[in-house]
Amino acid sequence: MAPARKIPQRSCVVCRTKRDKKDLLRVVLTPDGDIKFDPTGRVAGRGSYLCRNEECIKAELKKSGKLAKGLRHQVTSEELSSIARDILEQAAKAQPAKEA
């Protein structure tokens, strides 16, 4: 019998809570210098992780700067807004449609 696979662990850059990689949201700095939300977790580049917790996302949007520190790159407010919009769109797609 093969040994059980280890589940990768990552830390949220805002609250520093360790969680399974699949339970966190990844933001990536691509080799081109673009910063974007990575829903697949496979885009090439330096990644930082945020909890799916609304408080962590709001804290970062209030200019905590921890995402920029994790990416080792300056993050503009426009980039943060774009990332937040992408995260919210992804969350809306993941929610099951409510029946009338």
PDB file of N, CA and C in Angstrom:
ATOM      1  N   MET A   1       0.849  -1.183   0.000  1.00  0.00           N
ATOM      2  CA  MET A   1       0.000   0.000   0.000  1.00  0.00           C
ATOM      3  C   MET A   1       0.890   1.241   0.000  1.00  0.00           C
ATOM      4  N   ALA A   2       0.592   2.187  -0.865  1.00  0.00           N
ATOM      5  CA  ALA A   2       1.379   3.416  -0.986  1.00  0.00           C
ATOM      6  C   ALA A   2       1.105   4.332   0.209  1.00  0.00           C
ATOM      7  N   PRO A   3       2.130   5.062   0.641  1.00  0.00           N
ATOM      8  CA  PRO A   3       1.914   5.994   1.751  1.00  0.00           C
ATOM      9  C   PRO A   3       0.968   7.119   1.334  1.00  0.00           C
ATOM     10  N   ALA A   4       0.242   7.646   2.293  1.00  0.00           N
ATOM     11  CA  ALA A   4      -0.703   8.733   2.021  1.00  0.00           C
ATOM     12  C   ALA A   4       0.048   9.979   1.555  1.00  0.00           C
ATOM     13  N   ARG A   5      -0.533  10.657   0.548  1.00  0.00           N
ATOM     14  CA  ARG A   5       0.092  11.878   0.045  1.00  0.00           C
ATOM     15  C   ARG A   5      -0.043  12.989   1.068  1.00  0.00           C
ATOM     16  N   LYS A   6       1.006  13.772   1.189  1.00  0.00           N
ATOM     17  CA  LYS A   6       0.941  14.931   2.066  1.00  0.00           C
ATOM     18  C   LYS A   6       0.142  16.025   1.382  1.00  0.00           C
ATOM     19  N   ILE A   7      -0.674  16.706   2.143  1.00  0.00           N
ATOM     20  CA  ILE A   7      -1.436  17.827   1.606  1.00  0.00           C
ATOM     21  C   ILE A   7      -0.621  19.087   1.845  1.00  0.00           C
ATOM     22  N   PRO A   8      -0.326  19.853   0.769  1.00  0.00           N
ATOM     23  CA  PRO A   8       0.491  21.049   0.942  1.00  0.00           C
ATOM     24  C   PRO A   8      -0.181  22.069   1.869  1.00  0.00           C
ATOM     25  N   GLN A   9       0.606  22.663   2.735  1.00  0.00           N
ATOM     26  CA  GLN A   9       0.133  23.672   3.671  1.00  0.00           C
ATOM     27  C   GLN A   9       0.712  25.030   3.281  1.00  0.00           C
ATOM     28  N   ARG A  10      -0.083  26.074   3.428  1.00  0.00           N
ATOM     29  CA  ARG A  10       0.358  27.439   3.177  1.00  0.00           C
ATOM     30  C   ARG A  10      -0.208  28.325   4.275  1.00  0.00           C
ATOM     31  N   SER A  11       0.362  29.530   4.420  1.00  0.00           N
ATOM     32  CA  SER A  11      -0.098  30.486   5.421  1.00  0.00           C
ATOM     33  C   SER A  11      -0.738  31.689   4.757  1.00  0.00           C
ATOM     34  N   CYS A  12      -1.808  32.182   5.351  1.00  0.00           N
ATOM     35  CA  CYS A  12      -2.435  33.422   4.901  1.00  0.00           C
ATOM     36  C   CYS A  12      -1.485  34.568   5.237  1.00  0.00           C
ATOM     37  N   VAL A  13      -1.242  35.468   4.279  1.00  0.00           N
ATOM     38  CA  VAL A  13      -0.298  36.562   4.528  1.00  0.00           C
ATOM     39  C   VAL A  13      -0.858  37.595   5.497  1.00  0.00           C
ATOM     40  N   VAL A  14      -2.179  37.608   5.697  1.00  0.00           N
ATOM     41  CA  VAL A  14      -2.786  38.593   6.589  1.00  0.00           C
ATOM     42  C   VAL A  14      -2.837  38.082   8.024  1.00  0.00           C
ATOM     43  N   CYS A  15      -3.478  36.919   8.239  1.00  0.00           N
ATOM     44  CA  CYS A  15      -3.665  36.434   9.613  1.00  0.00           C
ATOM     45  C   CYS A  15      -2.639  35.384  10.033  1.00  0.00           C
ATOM     46  N   ARG A  16      -1.799  34.925   9.082  1.00  0.00           N
ATOM     47  CA  ARG A  16      -0.731  33.953   9.320  1.00  0.00           C
ATOM     48  C   ARG A  16      -1.258  32.580   9.746  1.00  0.00           C
ATOM     49  N   THR A  17      -2.513  32.277   9.492  1.00  0.00           N
ATOM     50  CA  THR A  17      -3.084  30.978   9.810  1.00  0.00           C
ATOM     51  C   THR A  17      -2.657  29.963   8.763  1.00  0.00           C
ATOM     52  N   LYS A  18      -2.178  28.814   9.210  1.00  0.00           N
ATOM     53  CA  LYS A  18      -1.782  27.751   8.287  1.00  0.00           C
ATOM     54  C   LYS A  18      -2.996  26.919   7.929  1.00  0.00           C
ATOM     55  N   ARG A  19      -3.167  26.696   6.621  1.00  0.00           N
ATOM     56  CA  ARG A  19      -4.287  25.899   6.135  1.00  0.00           C
ATOM     57  C   ARG A  19      -3.828  25.064   4.952  1.00  0.00           C
ATOM     58  N   ASP A  20      -4.687  24.145   4.535  1.00  0.00           N
ATOM     59  CA  ASP A  20      -4.416  23.401   3.307  1.00  0.00           C
ATOM     60  C   ASP A  20      -4.384  24.386   2.142  1.00  0.00           C
ATOM     61  N   LYS A  21      -3.492  24.162   1.210  1.00  0.00           N
ATOM     62  CA  LYS A  21      -3.327  25.054   0.058  1.00  0.00           C
ATOM     63  C   LYS A  21      -4.643  25.258  -0.697  1.00  0.00           C
ATOM     64  N   LYS A  22      -5.432  24.204  -0.840  1.00  0.00           N
ATOM     65  CA  LYS A  22      -6.687  24.298  -1.587  1.00  0.00           C
ATOM     66  C   LYS A  22      -7.735  25.155  -0.883  1.00  0.00           C
ATOM     67  N   ASP A  23      -7.558  25.418   0.410  1.00  0.00           N
ATOM     68  CA  ASP A  23      -8.516  26.216   1.166  1.00  0.00           C
ATOM     69  C   ASP A  23      -8.184  27.701   1.151  1.00  0.00           C
ATOM     70  N   LEU A  24      -7.106  28.077   0.494  1.00  0.00           N
ATOM     71  CA  LEU A  24      -6.688  29.476   0.436  1.00  0.00           C
ATOM     72  C   LEU A  24      -6.827  30.022  -0.979  1.00  0.00           C
ATOM     73  N   LEU A  25      -6.845  31.337  -1.089  1.00  0.00           N
ATOM     74  CA  LEU A  25      -6.890  32.024  -2.376  1.00  0.00           C
ATOM     75  C   LEU A  25      -5.482  32.440  -2.741  1.00  0.00           C
ATOM     76  N   ARG A  26      -5.071  32.195  -3.974  1.00  0.00           N
ATOM     77  CA  ARG A  26      -3.711  32.521  -4.402  1.00  0.00           C
ATOM     78  C   ARG A  26      -3.714  33.768  -5.274  1.00  0.00           C
ATOM     79  N   VAL A  27      -2.818  34.674  -4.955  1.00  0.00           N
ATOM     80  CA  VAL A  27      -2.558  35.851  -5.779  1.00  0.00           C
ATOM     81  C   VAL A  27      -1.133  35.687  -6.273  1.00  0.00           C
ATOM     82  N   VAL A  28      -0.921  35.903  -7.572  1.00  0.00           N
ATOM     83  CA  VAL A  28       0.379  35.609  -8.161  1.00  0.00           C
ATOM     84  C   VAL A  28       0.969  36.839  -8.834  1.00  0.00           C
ATOM     85  N   LEU A  29       2.288  36.984  -8.696  1.00  0.00           N
ATOM     86  CA  LEU A  29       3.070  37.961  -9.442  1.00  0.00           C
ATOM     87  C   LEU A  29       3.703  37.184 -10.585  1.00  0.00           C
ATOM     88  N   THR A  30       3.222  37.428 -11.809  1.00  0.00           N
ATOM     89  CA  THR A  30       3.717  36.685 -12.968  1.00  0.00           C
ATOM     90  C   THR A  30       5.111  37.165 -13.357  1.00  0.00           C
ATOM     91  N   PRO A  31       5.834  36.387 -14.137  1.00  0.00           N
ATOM     92  CA  PRO A  31       7.158  36.827 -14.605  1.00  0.00           C
ATOM     93  C   PRO A  31       7.106  38.131 -15.413  1.00  0.00           C
ATOM     94  N   ASP A  32       5.921  38.445 -15.981  1.00  0.00           N
ATOM     95  CA  ASP A  32       5.746  39.696 -16.729  1.00  0.00           C
ATOM     96  C   ASP A  32       5.554  40.897 -15.818  1.00  0.00           C
ATOM     97  N   GLY A  33       5.364  40.663 -14.514  1.00  0.00           N
ATOM     98  CA  GLY A  33       5.161  41.744 -13.568  1.00  0.00           C
ATOM     99  C   GLY A  33       3.693  42.041 -13.289  1.00  0.00           C
ATOM    100  N   ASP A  34       2.781  41.230 -13.845  1.00  0.00           N
ATOM    101  CA  ASP A  34       1.354  41.406 -13.585  1.00  0.00           C
ATOM    102  C   ASP A  34       0.994  40.734 -12.264  1.00  0.00           C
ATOM    103  N   ILE A  35       0.048  41.331 -11.553  1.00  0.00           N
ATOM    104  CA  ILE A  35      -0.448  40.744 -10.317  1.00  0.00           C
ATOM    105  C   ILE A  35      -1.903  40.393 -10.557  1.00  0.00           C
ATOM    106  N   LYS A  36      -2.237  39.106 -10.322  1.00  0.00           N
ATOM    107  CA  LYS A  36      -3.610  38.688 -10.563  1.00  0.00           C
ATOM    108  C   LYS A  36      -4.001  37.542  -9.651  1.00  0.00           C
ATOM    109  N   PHE A  37      -5.319  37.362  -9.539  1.00  0.00           N
ATOM    110  CA  PHE A  37      -5.893  36.261  -8.776  1.00  0.00           C
ATOM    111  C   PHE A  37      -5.711  34.979  -9.573  1.00  0.00           C
ATOM    112  N   ASP A  38      -5.295  33.913  -8.902  1.00  0.00           N
ATOM    113  CA  ASP A  38      -5.044  32.632  -9.552  1.00  0.00           C
ATOM    114  C   ASP A  38      -5.967  31.569  -8.967  1.00  0.00           C
ATOM    115  N   PRO A  39      -7.154  31.379  -9.551  1.00  0.00           N
ATOM    116  CA  PRO A  39      -8.084  30.398  -8.989  1.00  0.00           C
ATOM    117  C   PRO A  39      -7.610  28.955  -9.123  1.00  0.00           C
ATOM    118  N   THR A  40      -6.735  28.667 -10.082  1.00  0.00           N
ATOM    119  CA  THR A  40      -6.263  27.298 -10.290  1.00  0.00           C
ATOM    120  C   THR A  40      -5.098  26.933  -9.382  1.00  0.00           C
ATOM    121  N   GLY A  41      -4.336  27.935  -8.932  1.00  0.00           N
ATOM    122  CA  GLY A  41      -3.163  27.667  -8.111  1.00  0.00           C
ATOM    123  C   GLY A  41      -1.978  27.163  -8.909  1.00  0.00           C
ATOM    124  N   ARG A  42      -2.021  27.319 -10.242  1.00  0.00           N
ATOM    125  CA  ARG A  42      -0.974  26.765 -11.091  1.00  0.00           C
ATOM    126  C   ARG A  42      -0.297  27.787 -11.999  1.00  0.00           C
ATOM    127  N   VAL A  43      -0.685  29.046 -11.929  1.00  0.00           N
ATOM    128  CA  VAL A  43      -0.071  30.057 -12.788  1.00  0.00           C
ATOM    129  C   VAL A  43       1.382  30.260 -12.355  1.00  0.00           C
ATOM    130  N   ALA A  44       2.273  30.362 -13.337  1.00  0.00           N
ATOM    131  CA  ALA A  44       3.693  30.535 -13.033  1.00  0.00           C
ATOM    132  C   ALA A  44       3.938  31.887 -12.385  1.00  0.00           C
ATOM    133  N   GLY A  45       4.788  31.909 -11.384  1.00  0.00           N
ATOM    134  CA  GLY A  45       5.159  33.158 -10.727  1.00  0.00           C
ATOM    135  C   GLY A  45       5.169  32.999  -9.218  1.00  0.00           C
ATOM    136  N   ARG A  46       5.458  34.097  -8.543  1.00  0.00           N
ATOM    137  CA  ARG A  46       5.520  34.108  -7.086  1.00  0.00           C
ATOM    138  C   ARG A  46       4.122  34.275  -6.523  1.00  0.00           C
ATOM    139  N   GLY A  47       3.720  33.388  -5.668  1.00  0.00           N
ATOM    140  CA  GLY A  47       2.374  33.430  -5.121  1.00  0.00           C
ATOM    141  C   GLY A  47       2.330  33.802  -3.659  1.00  0.00           C
ATOM    142  N   SER A  48       1.217  34.426  -3.286  1.00  0.00           N
ATOM    143  CA  SER A  48       0.888  34.702  -1.890  1.00  0.00           C
ATOM    144  C   SER A  48      -0.531  34.225  -1.677  1.00  0.00           C
ATOM    145  N   TYR A  49      -0.842  33.867  -0.468  1.00  0.00           N
ATOM    146  CA  TYR A  49      -2.136  33.259  -0.180  1.00  0.00           C
ATOM    147  C   TYR A  49      -2.922  34.086   0.824  1.00  0.00           C
ATOM    148  N   LEU A  50      -4.243  34.122   0.596  1.00  0.00           N
ATOM    149  CA  LEU A  50      -5.181  34.789   1.494  1.00  0.00           C
ATOM    150  C   LEU A  50      -6.247  33.788   1.901  1.00  0.00           C
ATOM    151  N   CYS A  51      -6.753  33.921   3.117  1.00  0.00           N
ATOM    152  CA  CYS A  51      -7.880  33.100   3.552  1.00  0.00           C
ATOM    153  C   CYS A  51      -9.108  33.451   2.720  1.00  0.00           C
ATOM    154  N   ARG A  52     -10.014  32.517   2.649  1.00  0.00           N
ATOM    155  CA  ARG A  52     -11.305  32.812   2.023  1.00  0.00           C
ATOM    156  C   ARG A  52     -12.161  33.629   2.990  1.00  0.00           C
ATOM    157  N   ASN A  53     -11.639  33.832   4.165  1.00  0.00           N
ATOM    158  CA  ASN A  53     -12.290  34.594   5.215  1.00  0.00           C
ATOM    159  C   ASN A  53     -12.444  36.058   4.776  1.00  0.00           C
ATOM    160  N   GLU A  54     -13.648  36.572   4.866  1.00  0.00           N
ATOM    161  CA  GLU A  54     -13.931  37.940   4.418  1.00  0.00           C
ATOM    162  C   GLU A  54     -13.108  38.977   5.183  1.00  0.00           C
ATOM    163  N   GLU A  55     -12.828  38.734   6.450  1.00  0.00           N
ATOM    164  CA  GLU A  55     -12.065  39.690   7.254  1.00  0.00           C
ATOM    165  C   GLU A  55     -10.636  39.851   6.723  1.00  0.00           C
ATOM    166  N   CYS A  56     -10.027  38.755   6.309  1.00  0.00           N
ATOM    167  CA  CYS A  56      -8.660  38.828   5.773  1.00  0.00           C
ATOM    168  C   CYS A  56      -8.625  39.606   4.459  1.00  0.00           C
ATOM    169  N   ILE A  57      -9.612  39.368   3.612  1.00  0.00           N
ATOM    170  CA  ILE A  57      -9.661  40.080   2.334  1.00  0.00           C
ATOM    171  C   ILE A  57      -9.894  41.569   2.573  1.00  0.00           C
ATOM    172  N   LYS A  58     -10.817  41.897   3.464  1.00  0.00           N
ATOM    173  CA  LYS A  58     -11.091  43.309   3.771  1.00  0.00           C
ATOM    174  C   LYS A  58      -9.869  43.981   4.398  1.00  0.00           C
ATOM    175  N   ALA A  59      -9.175  43.255   5.270  1.00  0.00           N
ATOM    176  CA  ALA A  59      -7.989  43.823   5.920  1.00  0.00           C
ATOM    177  C   ALA A  59      -6.926  44.174   4.886  1.00  0.00           C
ATOM    178  N   GLU A  60      -6.746  43.316   3.887  1.00  0.00           N
ATOM    179  CA  GLU A  60      -5.753  43.588   2.852  1.00  0.00           C
ATOM    180  C   GLU A  60      -6.202  44.744   1.976  1.00  0.00           C
ATOM    181  N   LEU A  61      -7.483  44.842   1.700  1.00  0.00           N
ATOM    182  CA  LEU A  61      -7.987  45.946   0.885  1.00  0.00           C
ATOM    183  C   LEU A  61      -7.838  47.290   1.592  1.00  0.00           C
ATOM    184  N   LYS A  62      -7.749  47.251   2.917  1.00  0.00           N
ATOM    185  CA  LYS A  62      -7.561  48.488   3.685  1.00  0.00           C
ATOM    186  C   LYS A  62      -6.087  48.862   3.777  1.00  0.00           C
ATOM    187  N   LYS A  63      -5.314  48.414   2.805  1.00  0.00           N
ATOM    188  CA  LYS A  63      -3.892  48.788   2.684  1.00  0.00           C
ATOM    189  C   LYS A  63      -3.024  48.216   3.797  1.00  0.00           C
ATOM    190  N   SER A  64      -3.221  46.952   4.145  1.00  0.00           N
ATOM    191  CA  SER A  64      -2.349  46.364   5.163  1.00  0.00           C
ATOM    192  C   SER A  64      -0.934  46.190   4.616  1.00  0.00           C
ATOM    193  N   GLY A  65      -0.812  45.972   3.297  1.00  0.00           N
ATOM    194  CA  GLY A  65       0.511  45.848   2.680  1.00  0.00           C
ATOM    195  C   GLY A  65       1.147  44.475   2.816  1.00  0.00           C
ATOM    196  N   LYS A  66       0.471  43.559   3.462  1.00  0.00           N
ATOM    197  CA  LYS A  66       1.054  42.232   3.668  1.00  0.00           C
ATOM    198  C   LYS A  66       1.121  41.424   2.382  1.00  0.00           C
ATOM    199  N   LEU A  67       0.175  41.660   1.478  1.00  0.00           N
ATOM    200  CA  LEU A  67       0.206  40.981   0.188  1.00  0.00           C
ATOM    201  C   LEU A  67       1.427  41.432  -0.608  1.00  0.00           C
ATOM    202  N   ALA A  68       1.697  42.722  -0.601  1.00  0.00           N
ATOM    203  CA  ALA A  68       2.869  43.252  -1.298  1.00  0.00           C
ATOM    204  C   ALA A  68       4.154  42.683  -0.709  1.00  0.00           C
ATOM    205  N   LYS A  69       4.190  42.550   0.594  1.00  0.00           N
ATOM    206  CA  LYS A  69       5.369  41.986   1.243  1.00  0.00           C
ATOM    207  C   LYS A  69       5.557  40.521   0.857  1.00  0.00           C
ATOM    208  N   GLY A  70       4.455  39.779   0.799  1.00  0.00           N
ATOM    209  CA  GLY A  70       4.521  38.367   0.417  1.00  0.00           C
ATOM    210  C   GLY A  70       4.956  38.183  -1.029  1.00  0.00           C
ATOM    211  N   LEU A  71       4.510  39.085  -1.903  1.00  0.00           N
ATOM    212  CA  LEU A  71       4.878  39.002  -3.312  1.00  0.00           C
ATOM    213  C   LEU A  71       6.238  39.635  -3.590  1.00  0.00           C
ATOM    214  N   ARG A  72       6.751  40.381  -2.611  1.00  0.00           N
ATOM    215  CA  ARG A  72       8.007  41.123  -2.768  1.00  0.00           C
ATOM    216  C   ARG A  72       7.927  42.080  -3.952  1.00  0.00           C
ATOM    217  N   HIS A  73       6.775  42.758  -4.029  1.00  0.00           N
ATOM    218  CA  HIS A  73       6.524  43.668  -5.143  1.00  0.00           C
ATOM    219  C   HIS A  73       5.453  44.670  -4.711  1.00  0.00           C
ATOM    220  N   GLN A  74       5.544  45.881  -5.186  1.00  0.00           N
ATOM    221  CA  GLN A  74       4.556  46.906  -4.878  1.00  0.00           C
ATOM    222  C   GLN A  74       3.212  46.538  -5.507  1.00  0.00           C
ATOM    223  N   VAL A  75       2.131  46.644  -4.735  1.00  0.00           N
ATOM    224  CA  VAL A  75       0.784  46.360  -5.229  1.00  0.00           C
ATOM    225  C   VAL A  75      -0.010  47.659  -5.169  1.00  0.00           C
ATOM    226  N   THR A  76      -0.501  48.104  -6.321  1.00  0.00           N
ATOM    227  CA  THR A  76      -1.266  49.356  -6.369  1.00  0.00           C
ATOM    228  C   THR A  76      -2.701  49.114  -5.920  1.00  0.00           C
ATOM    229  N   SER A  77      -3.397  50.194  -5.584  1.00  0.00           N
ATOM    230  CA  SER A  77      -4.792  50.068  -5.170  1.00  0.00           C
ATOM    231  C   SER A  77      -5.657  49.561  -6.320  1.00  0.00           C
ATOM    232  N   GLU A  78      -5.299  49.910  -7.560  1.00  0.00           N
ATOM    233  CA  GLU A  78      -6.052  49.411  -8.719  1.00  0.00           C
ATOM    234  C   GLU A  78      -5.900  47.891  -8.840  1.00  0.00           C
ATOM    235  N   GLU A  79      -4.686  47.400  -8.612  1.00  0.00           N
ATOM    236  CA  GLU A  79      -4.449  45.954  -8.673  1.00  0.00           C
ATOM    237  C   GLU A  79      -5.214  45.235  -7.561  1.00  0.00           C
ATOM    238  N   LEU A  80      -5.226  45.829  -6.360  1.00  0.00           N
ATOM    239  CA  LEU A  80      -5.974  45.244  -5.252  1.00  0.00           C
ATOM    240  C   LEU A  80      -7.463  45.189  -5.576  1.00  0.00           C
ATOM    241  N   SER A  81      -7.984  46.255  -6.161  1.00  0.00           N
ATOM    242  CA  SER A  81      -9.399  46.297  -6.528  1.00  0.00           C
ATOM    243  C   SER A  81      -9.714  45.234  -7.571  1.00  0.00           C
ATOM    244  N   SER A  82      -8.829  45.081  -8.542  1.00  0.00           N
ATOM    245  CA  SER A  82      -9.019  44.083  -9.585  1.00  0.00           C
ATOM    246  C   SER A  82      -9.005  42.666  -8.993  1.00  0.00           C
ATOM    247  N   ILE A  83      -8.078  42.419  -8.094  1.00  0.00           N
ATOM    248  CA  ILE A  83      -7.981  41.111  -7.446  1.00  0.00           C
ATOM    249  C   ILE A  83      -9.248  40.832  -6.637  1.00  0.00           C
ATOM    250  N   ALA A  84      -9.708  41.831  -5.876  1.00  0.00           N
ATOM    251  CA  ALA A  84     -10.919  41.659  -5.072  1.00  0.00           C
ATOM    252  C   ALA A  84     -12.126  41.384  -5.963  1.00  0.00           C
ATOM    253  N   ARG A  85     -12.233  42.088  -7.075  1.00  0.00           N
ATOM    254  CA  ARG A  85     -13.330  41.874  -8.016  1.00  0.00           C
ATOM    255  C   ARG A  85     -13.293  40.437  -8.555  1.00  0.00           C
ATOM    256  N   ASP A  86     -12.101  39.973  -8.929  1.00  0.00           N
ATOM    257  CA  ASP A  86     -11.946  38.608  -9.446  1.00  0.00           C
ATOM    258  C   ASP A  86     -12.318  37.563  -8.391  1.00  0.00           C
ATOM    259  N   ILE A  87     -11.930  37.811  -7.144  1.00  0.00           N
ATOM    260  CA  ILE A  87     -12.253  36.885  -6.059  1.00  0.00           C
ATOM    261  C   ILE A  87     -13.762  36.835  -5.844  1.00  0.00           C
ATOM    262  N   LEU A  88     -14.408  37.993  -5.868  1.00  0.00           N
ATOM    263  CA  LEU A  88     -15.857  38.031  -5.671  1.00  0.00           C
ATOM    264  C   LEU A  88     -16.594  37.343  -6.821  1.00  0.00           C
ATOM    265  N   GLU A  89     -16.118  37.534  -8.050  1.00  0.00           N
ATOM    266  CA  GLU A  89     -16.719  36.857  -9.201  1.00  0.00           C
ATOM    267  C   GLU A  89     -16.581  35.343  -9.052  1.00  0.00           C
ATOM    268  N   GLN A  90     -15.411  34.888  -8.627  1.00  0.00           N
ATOM    269  CA  GLN A  90     -15.174  33.460  -8.435  1.00  0.00           C
ATOM    270  C   GLN A  90     -16.086  32.912  -7.339  1.00  0.00           C
ATOM    271  N   ALA A  91     -16.261  33.679  -6.266  1.00  0.00           N
ATOM    272  CA  ALA A  91     -17.133  33.241  -5.172  1.00  0.00           C
ATOM    273  C   ALA A  91     -18.586  33.162  -5.636  1.00  0.00           C
ATOM    274  N   ALA A  92     -19.003  34.100  -6.487  1.00  0.00           N
ATOM    275  CA  ALA A  92     -20.374  34.091  -6.992  1.00  0.00           C
ATOM    276  C   ALA A  92     -20.612  32.868  -7.882  1.00  0.00           C
ATOM    277  N   LYS A  93     -19.608  32.476  -8.656  1.00  0.00           N
ATOM    278  CA  LYS A  93     -19.738  31.291  -9.510  1.00  0.00           C
ATOM    279  C   LYS A  93     -19.804  30.024  -8.674  1.00  0.00           C
ATOM    280  N   ALA A  94     -19.116  30.016  -7.550  1.00  0.00           N
ATOM    281  CA  ALA A  94     -19.046  28.818  -6.704  1.00  0.00           C
ATOM    282  C   ALA A  94     -20.343  28.620  -5.918  1.00  0.00           C
ATOM    283  N   GLN A  95     -21.091  29.706  -5.670  1.00  0.00           N
ATOM    284  CA  GLN A  95     -22.333  29.629  -4.919  1.00  0.00           C
ATOM    285  C   GLN A  95     -23.409  28.961  -5.770  1.00  0.00           C
ATOM    286  N   PRO A  96     -24.151  28.029  -5.227  1.00  0.00           N
ATOM    287  CA  PRO A  96     -25.250  27.448  -6.003  1.00  0.00           C
ATOM    288  C   PRO A  96     -26.348  28.482  -6.205  1.00  0.00           C
ATOM    289  N   ALA A  97     -26.985  28.426  -7.353  1.00  0.00           N
ATOM    290  CA  ALA A  97     -28.061  29.374  -7.657  1.00  0.00           C
ATOM    291  C   ALA A  97     -29.250  29.116  -6.735  1.00  0.00           C
ATOM    292  N   LYS A  98     -29.827  30.192  -6.223  1.00  0.00           N
ATOM    293  CA  LYS A  98     -30.995  30.055  -5.338  1.00  0.00           C
ATOM    294  C   LYS A  98     -32.238  29.860  -6.191  1.00  0.00           C
ATOM    295  N   GLU A  99     -33.066  28.940  -5.763  1.00  0.00           N
ATOM    296  CA  GLU A  99     -34.301  28.683  -6.490  1.00  0.00           C
ATOM    297  C   GLU A  99     -35.395  29.590  -5.965  1.00  0.00           C
ATOM    298  N   ALA A 100     -36.277  30.016  -6.864  1.00  0.00           N
ATOM    299  CA  ALA A 100     -37.368  30.925  -6.479  1.00  0.00           C
ATOM    300  C   ALA A 100     -38.525  30.185  -5.884  1.00  0.00           C
TER     301      ALA A 100
END
